[in-house]
Amino acid sequence: MEMNHLEKTGKIKTIFISISILMVSLHTIYFYNSTMPEIELKKIIQQTIRFLLTIGLLILVYRGKNWARILSVILFSLGILGAIIGLITIKTAPVNKTPLIVMILVYSIAVYHFWFSKSFKAFFDYQGMITKT
């Protein structure tokens, strides 16, 4: 069965949002390690595992797993909350808070897309894997 326009739009937006989330994650890893006086192997391993789990979660969302969609919305919402708290509490120049603002924007778009977007719902239905919970 051929995808209609709404389903194609949902697929494309899902891919772009997933790439954006991975870019934010990579930037967070880089930013954290570039500010440390020395690189901690344990922290690098933790960050690598977190990054790989993020990739896995986004793949499962793309494939239409409803539990993965719900989990990603919860985790991105917590990320938004953490970034807002960081934005308020971190005492630094405003330019240094730019990554937090980008994180808030990207995660907010992801939450909206995975929870409310008609194009994502159409793509999700197209995947044929929606389960009622």
N, C-alpha and C. Protein backbone atom coordinates (compact mmCIF):
# COMPACT_ATOMS: atom_id res chain seq x y z
N MET A 1 0.83 -1.18 0.00
CA MET A 1 0.00 0.00 0.00
C MET A 1 0.88 1.25 0.00
N GLU A 2 0.57 2.17 -0.86
CA GLU A 2 1.31 3.43 -1.02
C GLU A 2 0.97 4.39 0.11
N MET A 3 1.97 5.13 0.56
CA MET A 3 1.74 6.15 1.60
C MET A 3 1.03 7.35 1.00
N ASN A 4 0.08 7.91 1.76
CA ASN A 4 -0.53 9.16 1.32
C ASN A 4 0.35 10.33 1.78
N HIS A 5 -0.04 11.54 1.42
CA HIS A 5 0.77 12.73 1.73
C HIS A 5 0.99 12.92 3.23
N LEU A 6 -0.06 12.73 4.03
CA LEU A 6 0.05 12.91 5.48
C LEU A 6 1.00 11.89 6.09
N GLU A 7 0.94 10.66 5.63
CA GLU A 7 1.83 9.61 6.13
C GLU A 7 3.28 9.90 5.75
N LYS A 8 3.51 10.36 4.51
CA LYS A 8 4.87 10.72 4.08
C LYS A 8 5.41 11.87 4.90
N THR A 9 4.55 12.86 5.16
CA THR A 9 4.96 14.00 5.97
C THR A 9 5.35 13.54 7.37
N GLY A 10 4.54 12.66 7.96
CA GLY A 10 4.84 12.12 9.28
C GLY A 10 6.16 11.36 9.31
N LYS A 11 6.41 10.60 8.26
CA LYS A 11 7.67 9.84 8.18
C LYS A 11 8.87 10.79 8.11
N ILE A 12 8.79 11.78 7.24
CA ILE A 12 9.90 12.73 7.07
C ILE A 12 10.15 13.52 8.35
N LYS A 13 9.07 14.01 8.97
CA LYS A 13 9.22 14.77 10.22
C LYS A 13 9.81 13.90 11.33
N THR A 14 9.39 12.65 11.39
CA THR A 14 9.91 11.73 12.41
C THR A 14 11.41 11.54 12.22
N ILE A 15 11.85 11.39 10.99
CA ILE A 15 13.28 11.22 10.72
C ILE A 15 14.05 12.49 11.11
N PHE A 16 13.56 13.66 10.70
CA PHE A 16 14.26 14.90 11.02
C PHE A 16 14.30 15.17 12.52
N ILE A 17 13.21 14.91 13.22
CA ILE A 17 13.18 15.11 14.67
C ILE A 17 14.14 14.14 15.35
N SER A 18 14.18 12.89 14.89
CA SER A 18 15.10 11.91 15.47
C SER A 18 16.55 12.34 15.27
N ILE A 19 16.88 12.83 14.09
CA ILE A 19 18.25 13.32 13.83
C ILE A 19 18.57 14.50 14.74
N SER A 20 17.61 15.39 14.92
CA SER A 20 17.82 16.55 15.80
C SER A 20 18.07 16.13 17.24
N ILE A 21 17.31 15.15 17.71
CA ILE A 21 17.49 14.64 19.07
C ILE A 21 18.88 14.03 19.22
N LEU A 22 19.32 13.27 18.23
CA LEU A 22 20.65 12.66 18.29
C LEU A 22 21.75 13.72 18.25
N MET A 23 21.54 14.78 17.49
CA MET A 23 22.52 15.87 17.45
C MET A 23 22.61 16.58 18.80
N VAL A 24 21.47 16.81 19.44
CA VAL A 24 21.47 17.41 20.78
C VAL A 24 22.21 16.50 21.75
N SER A 25 21.96 15.21 21.66
CA SER A 25 22.62 14.25 22.53
C SER A 25 24.14 14.24 22.32
N LEU A 26 24.56 14.24 21.06
CA LEU A 26 26.01 14.29 20.77
C LEU A 26 26.64 15.58 21.27
N HIS A 27 25.93 16.69 21.09
CA HIS A 27 26.45 17.97 21.57
C HIS A 27 26.58 17.97 23.09
N THR A 28 25.60 17.38 23.77
CA THR A 28 25.65 17.30 25.23
C THR A 28 26.86 16.49 25.68
N ILE A 29 27.11 15.38 25.02
CA ILE A 29 28.27 14.54 25.35
C ILE A 29 29.57 15.34 25.11
N TYR A 30 29.67 15.98 23.95
CA TYR A 30 30.86 16.76 23.64
C TYR A 30 31.05 17.90 24.63
N PHE A 31 29.97 18.65 24.88
CA PHE A 31 30.05 19.81 25.76
C PHE A 31 30.48 19.40 27.16
N TYR A 32 29.92 18.32 27.68
CA TYR A 32 30.28 17.85 29.01
C TYR A 32 31.77 17.49 29.06
N ASN A 33 32.23 16.71 28.08
CA ASN A 33 33.62 16.24 28.11
C ASN A 33 34.62 17.35 27.81
N SER A 34 34.22 18.36 27.05
CA SER A 34 35.16 19.44 26.75
C SER A 34 35.35 20.38 27.94
N THR A 35 34.44 20.35 28.90
CA THR A 35 34.58 21.23 30.07
C THR A 35 35.31 20.55 31.22
N MET A 36 35.54 19.25 31.12
CA MET A 36 36.23 18.52 32.18
C MET A 36 37.74 18.62 31.99
N PRO A 37 38.48 18.73 33.11
CA PRO A 37 39.94 18.81 33.00
C PRO A 37 40.56 17.55 32.42
N GLU A 38 39.98 16.39 32.73
CA GLU A 38 40.44 15.14 32.13
C GLU A 38 39.24 14.26 31.83
N ILE A 39 39.39 13.42 30.83
CA ILE A 39 38.29 12.57 30.38
C ILE A 39 38.19 11.35 31.29
N GLU A 40 36.96 11.09 31.80
CA GLU A 40 36.73 9.94 32.65
C GLU A 40 36.16 8.80 31.79
N LEU A 41 36.84 7.68 31.79
CA LEU A 41 36.41 6.54 30.98
C LEU A 41 35.02 6.06 31.39
N LYS A 42 34.75 6.02 32.69
CA LYS A 42 33.44 5.58 33.18
C LYS A 42 32.33 6.47 32.63
N LYS A 43 32.55 7.78 32.62
CA LYS A 43 31.53 8.72 32.13
C LYS A 43 31.34 8.55 30.62
N ILE A 44 32.42 8.35 29.88
CA ILE A 44 32.33 8.14 28.43
C ILE A 44 31.51 6.88 28.14
N ILE A 45 31.74 5.82 28.89
CA ILE A 45 30.99 4.57 28.70
C ILE A 45 29.51 4.80 28.99
N GLN A 46 29.19 5.51 30.09
CA GLN A 46 27.79 5.81 30.43
C GLN A 46 27.12 6.62 29.32
N GLN A 47 27.83 7.63 28.83
CA GLN A 47 27.27 8.49 27.79
C GLN A 47 27.08 7.73 26.47
N THR A 48 28.00 6.85 26.16
CA THR A 48 27.89 6.04 24.94
C THR A 48 26.68 5.10 25.04
N ILE A 49 26.51 4.47 26.19
CA ILE A 49 25.36 3.59 26.39
C ILE A 49 24.07 4.38 26.29
N ARG A 50 24.01 5.57 26.89
CA ARG A 50 22.82 6.42 26.83
C ARG A 50 22.52 6.79 25.38
N PHE A 51 23.55 7.14 24.62
CA PHE A 51 23.38 7.52 23.22
C PHE A 51 22.85 6.34 22.40
N LEU A 52 23.40 5.15 22.62
CA LEU A 52 22.94 3.96 21.90
C LEU A 52 21.50 3.61 22.28
N LEU A 53 21.14 3.77 23.55
CA LEU A 53 19.76 3.53 23.97
C LEU A 53 18.81 4.54 23.34
N THR A 54 19.27 5.78 23.20
CA THR A 54 18.46 6.80 22.52
C THR A 54 18.21 6.41 21.07
N ILE A 55 19.26 5.95 20.39
CA ILE A 55 19.11 5.48 19.01
C ILE A 55 18.09 4.34 18.96
N GLY A 56 18.24 3.37 19.86
CA GLY A 56 17.33 2.23 19.89
C GLY A 56 15.89 2.66 20.13
N LEU A 57 15.68 3.57 21.06
CA LEU A 57 14.33 4.05 21.35
C LEU A 57 13.73 4.75 20.15
N LEU A 58 14.51 5.58 19.48
CA LEU A 58 14.00 6.30 18.30
C LEU A 58 13.70 5.35 17.15
N ILE A 59 14.49 4.30 17.00
CA ILE A 59 14.21 3.29 15.97
C ILE A 59 12.89 2.59 16.27
N LEU A 60 12.67 2.26 17.54
CA LEU A 60 11.43 1.59 17.92
C LEU A 60 10.22 2.50 17.75
N VAL A 61 10.38 3.79 18.02
CA VAL A 61 9.30 4.75 17.77
C VAL A 61 9.01 4.79 16.27
N TYR A 62 10.05 4.84 15.47
CA TYR A 62 9.90 4.88 14.01
C TYR A 62 9.17 3.64 13.50
N ARG A 63 9.45 2.50 14.11
CA ARG A 63 8.81 1.25 13.68
C ARG A 63 7.38 1.10 14.18
N GLY A 64 6.94 2.04 15.02
CA GLY A 64 5.54 2.03 15.44
C GLY A 64 5.25 1.36 16.77
N LYS A 65 6.24 1.26 17.63
CA LYS A 65 6.03 0.67 18.96
C LYS A 65 5.43 1.73 19.89
N ASN A 66 4.20 1.49 20.32
CA ASN A 66 3.49 2.48 21.13
C ASN A 66 4.17 2.71 22.47
N TRP A 67 4.67 1.65 23.12
CA TRP A 67 5.34 1.82 24.41
C TRP A 67 6.59 2.69 24.26
N ALA A 68 7.28 2.57 23.13
CA ALA A 68 8.48 3.38 22.89
C ALA A 68 8.10 4.85 22.68
N ARG A 69 6.98 5.08 22.01
CA ARG A 69 6.49 6.45 21.82
C ARG A 69 6.15 7.08 23.16
N ILE A 70 5.44 6.34 24.01
CA ILE A 70 5.07 6.87 25.32
C ILE A 70 6.32 7.12 26.17
N LEU A 71 7.24 6.17 26.19
CA LEU A 71 8.48 6.33 26.96
C LEU A 71 9.28 7.53 26.46
N SER A 72 9.37 7.70 25.15
CA SER A 72 10.13 8.83 24.61
C SER A 72 9.49 10.16 25.00
N VAL A 73 8.17 10.24 24.97
CA VAL A 73 7.49 11.48 25.38
C VAL A 73 7.78 11.78 26.85
N ILE A 74 7.74 10.75 27.70
CA ILE A 74 8.05 10.94 29.12
C ILE A 74 9.49 11.41 29.31
N LEU A 75 10.43 10.73 28.65
CA LEU A 75 11.85 11.08 28.81
C LEU A 75 12.17 12.47 28.25
N PHE A 76 11.58 12.81 27.09
CA PHE A 76 11.83 14.14 26.53
C PHE A 76 11.18 15.22 27.38
N SER A 77 10.04 14.92 27.99
CA SER A 77 9.41 15.89 28.89
C SER A 77 10.28 16.13 30.12
N LEU A 78 10.86 15.06 30.66
CA LEU A 78 11.79 15.21 31.78
C LEU A 78 13.03 16.01 31.35
N GLY A 79 13.49 15.78 30.12
CA GLY A 79 14.62 16.55 29.59
C GLY A 79 14.29 18.02 29.48
N ILE A 80 13.07 18.34 29.05
CA ILE A 80 12.63 19.73 28.97
C ILE A 80 12.63 20.35 30.37
N LEU A 81 12.06 19.63 31.33
CA LEU A 81 12.00 20.13 32.70
C LEU A 81 13.40 20.37 33.26
N GLY A 82 14.30 19.42 33.04
CA GLY A 82 15.68 19.57 33.51
C GLY A 82 16.38 20.75 32.85
N ALA A 83 16.15 20.93 31.57
CA ALA A 83 16.79 22.04 30.85
C ALA A 83 16.24 23.39 31.34
N ILE A 84 14.94 23.45 31.62
CA ILE A 84 14.35 24.69 32.14
C ILE A 84 14.92 25.01 33.52
N ILE A 85 15.04 24.00 34.37
CA ILE A 85 15.64 24.20 35.69
C ILE A 85 17.08 24.67 35.54
N GLY A 86 17.81 24.02 34.64
CA GLY A 86 19.20 24.44 34.38
C GLY A 86 19.28 25.85 33.86
N LEU A 87 18.38 26.22 32.99
CA LEU A 87 18.35 27.57 32.42
C LEU A 87 18.17 28.61 33.52
N ILE A 88 17.35 28.28 34.50
CA ILE A 88 17.06 29.22 35.59
C ILE A 88 18.17 29.24 36.63
N THR A 89 18.73 28.08 36.96
CA THR A 89 19.66 27.99 38.10
C THR A 89 21.13 28.18 37.74
N ILE A 90 21.53 27.88 36.53
CA ILE A 90 22.95 27.99 36.17
C ILE A 90 23.33 29.46 36.05
N LYS A 91 24.36 29.81 36.77
CA LYS A 91 24.87 31.19 36.76
C LYS A 91 26.01 31.28 35.75
N THR A 92 25.67 31.68 34.56
CA THR A 92 26.67 31.83 33.50
C THR A 92 26.16 32.85 32.49
N ALA A 93 27.01 33.20 31.56
CA ALA A 93 26.62 34.16 30.53
C ALA A 93 25.46 33.58 29.70
N PRO A 94 24.55 34.43 29.25
CA PRO A 94 23.41 33.95 28.46
C PRO A 94 23.81 33.12 27.24
N VAL A 95 24.92 33.46 26.61
CA VAL A 95 25.35 32.71 25.43
C VAL A 95 25.69 31.26 25.78
N ASN A 96 26.13 31.01 27.00
CA ASN A 96 26.44 29.65 27.43
C ASN A 96 25.19 28.83 27.71
N LYS A 97 24.05 29.49 27.77
CA LYS A 97 22.79 28.78 28.00
C LYS A 97 22.11 28.38 26.68
N THR A 98 22.70 28.75 25.57
CA THR A 98 22.12 28.44 24.25
C THR A 98 21.85 26.94 24.06
N PRO A 99 22.78 26.03 24.44
CA PRO A 99 22.48 24.61 24.27
C PRO A 99 21.22 24.16 25.03
N LEU A 100 20.98 24.76 26.19
CA LEU A 100 19.77 24.41 26.94
C LEU A 100 18.52 24.87 26.21
N ILE A 101 18.59 26.05 25.61
CA ILE A 101 17.46 26.58 24.85
C ILE A 101 17.18 25.69 23.64
N VAL A 102 18.25 25.28 22.95
CA VAL A 102 18.10 24.38 21.79
C VAL A 102 17.50 23.05 22.24
N MET A 103 17.96 22.53 23.37
CA MET A 103 17.44 21.27 23.90
C MET A 103 15.94 21.40 24.20
N ILE A 104 15.55 22.50 24.83
CA ILE A 104 14.13 22.73 25.13
C ILE A 104 13.31 22.76 23.84
N LEU A 105 13.81 23.46 22.84
CA LEU A 105 13.08 23.55 21.57
C LEU A 105 12.95 22.20 20.87
N VAL A 106 14.06 21.49 20.75
CA VAL A 106 14.05 20.20 20.04
C VAL A 106 13.18 19.19 20.78
N TYR A 107 13.33 19.09 22.09
CA TYR A 107 12.53 18.13 22.85
C TYR A 107 11.05 18.52 22.85
N SER A 108 10.75 19.82 22.87
CA SER A 108 9.35 20.26 22.81
C SER A 108 8.72 19.88 21.48
N ILE A 109 9.46 20.09 20.41
CA ILE A 109 8.96 19.70 19.08
C ILE A 109 8.75 18.19 19.03
N ALA A 110 9.67 17.43 19.61
CA ALA A 110 9.54 15.96 19.62
C ALA A 110 8.31 15.53 20.41
N VAL A 111 8.10 16.12 21.58
CA VAL A 111 6.93 15.77 22.39
C VAL A 111 5.65 16.09 21.62
N TYR A 112 5.59 17.26 21.02
CA TYR A 112 4.41 17.62 20.24
C TYR A 112 4.21 16.63 19.09
N HIS A 113 5.28 16.35 18.38
CA HIS A 113 5.18 15.46 17.20
C HIS A 113 4.73 14.06 17.60
N PHE A 114 5.37 13.47 18.62
CA PHE A 114 5.06 12.09 18.98
C PHE A 114 3.72 11.95 19.71
N TRP A 115 3.20 13.04 20.26
CA TRP A 115 1.96 12.93 21.03
C TRP A 115 0.74 13.52 20.33
N PHE A 116 0.92 14.64 19.60
CA PHE A 116 -0.23 15.36 19.07
C PHE A 116 -0.30 15.44 17.54
N SER A 117 0.79 15.26 16.85
CA SER A 117 0.85 15.49 15.41
C SER A 117 -0.02 14.51 14.62
N LYS A 118 -0.87 15.07 13.75
CA LYS A 118 -1.71 14.23 12.89
C LYS A 118 -0.87 13.46 11.88
N SER A 119 0.21 14.10 11.39
CA SER A 119 1.04 13.40 10.41
C SER A 119 1.77 12.22 11.05
N PHE A 120 2.22 12.38 12.30
CA PHE A 120 2.87 11.25 12.97
C PHE A 120 1.86 10.14 13.22
N LYS A 121 0.66 10.49 13.66
CA LYS A 121 -0.37 9.47 13.90
C LYS A 121 -0.70 8.72 12.62
N ALA A 122 -0.76 9.44 11.50
CA ALA A 122 -1.03 8.79 10.22
C ALA A 122 0.12 7.85 9.85
N PHE A 123 1.35 8.29 10.04
CA PHE A 123 2.51 7.44 9.76
C PHE A 123 2.53 6.24 10.70
N PHE A 124 2.21 6.49 11.97
CA PHE A 124 2.17 5.44 12.98
C PHE A 124 1.13 4.38 12.59
N ASP A 125 -0.05 4.82 12.15
CA ASP A 125 -1.09 3.90 11.70
C ASP A 125 -0.62 3.13 10.46
N TYR A 126 0.07 3.83 9.57
CA TYR A 126 0.58 3.20 8.36
C TYR A 126 1.54 2.05 8.72
N GLN A 127 2.33 2.27 9.74
CA GLN A 127 3.27 1.23 10.17
C GLN A 127 2.51 -0.02 10.62
N GLY A 128 1.24 0.14 10.93
CA GLY A 128 0.41 -1.01 11.26
C GLY A 128 0.69 -1.63 12.63
N MET A 129 1.30 -0.86 13.49
CA MET A 129 1.71 -1.44 14.76
C MET A 129 1.08 -0.75 15.96
N ILE A 130 0.07 0.05 15.74
CA ILE A 130 -0.53 0.77 16.88
C ILE A 130 -1.25 -0.22 17.78
N THR A 131 -1.00 -0.10 19.05
CA THR A 131 -1.70 -0.95 20.03
C THR A 131 -2.39 -0.06 21.03
N LYS A 132 -3.59 -0.37 21.33
CA LYS A 132 -4.37 0.42 22.31
C LYS A 132 -3.91 0.02 23.70
N THR A 133 -3.58 1.03 24.50
CA THR A 133 -3.20 0.77 25.89
C THR A 133 -4.13 1.43 26.84
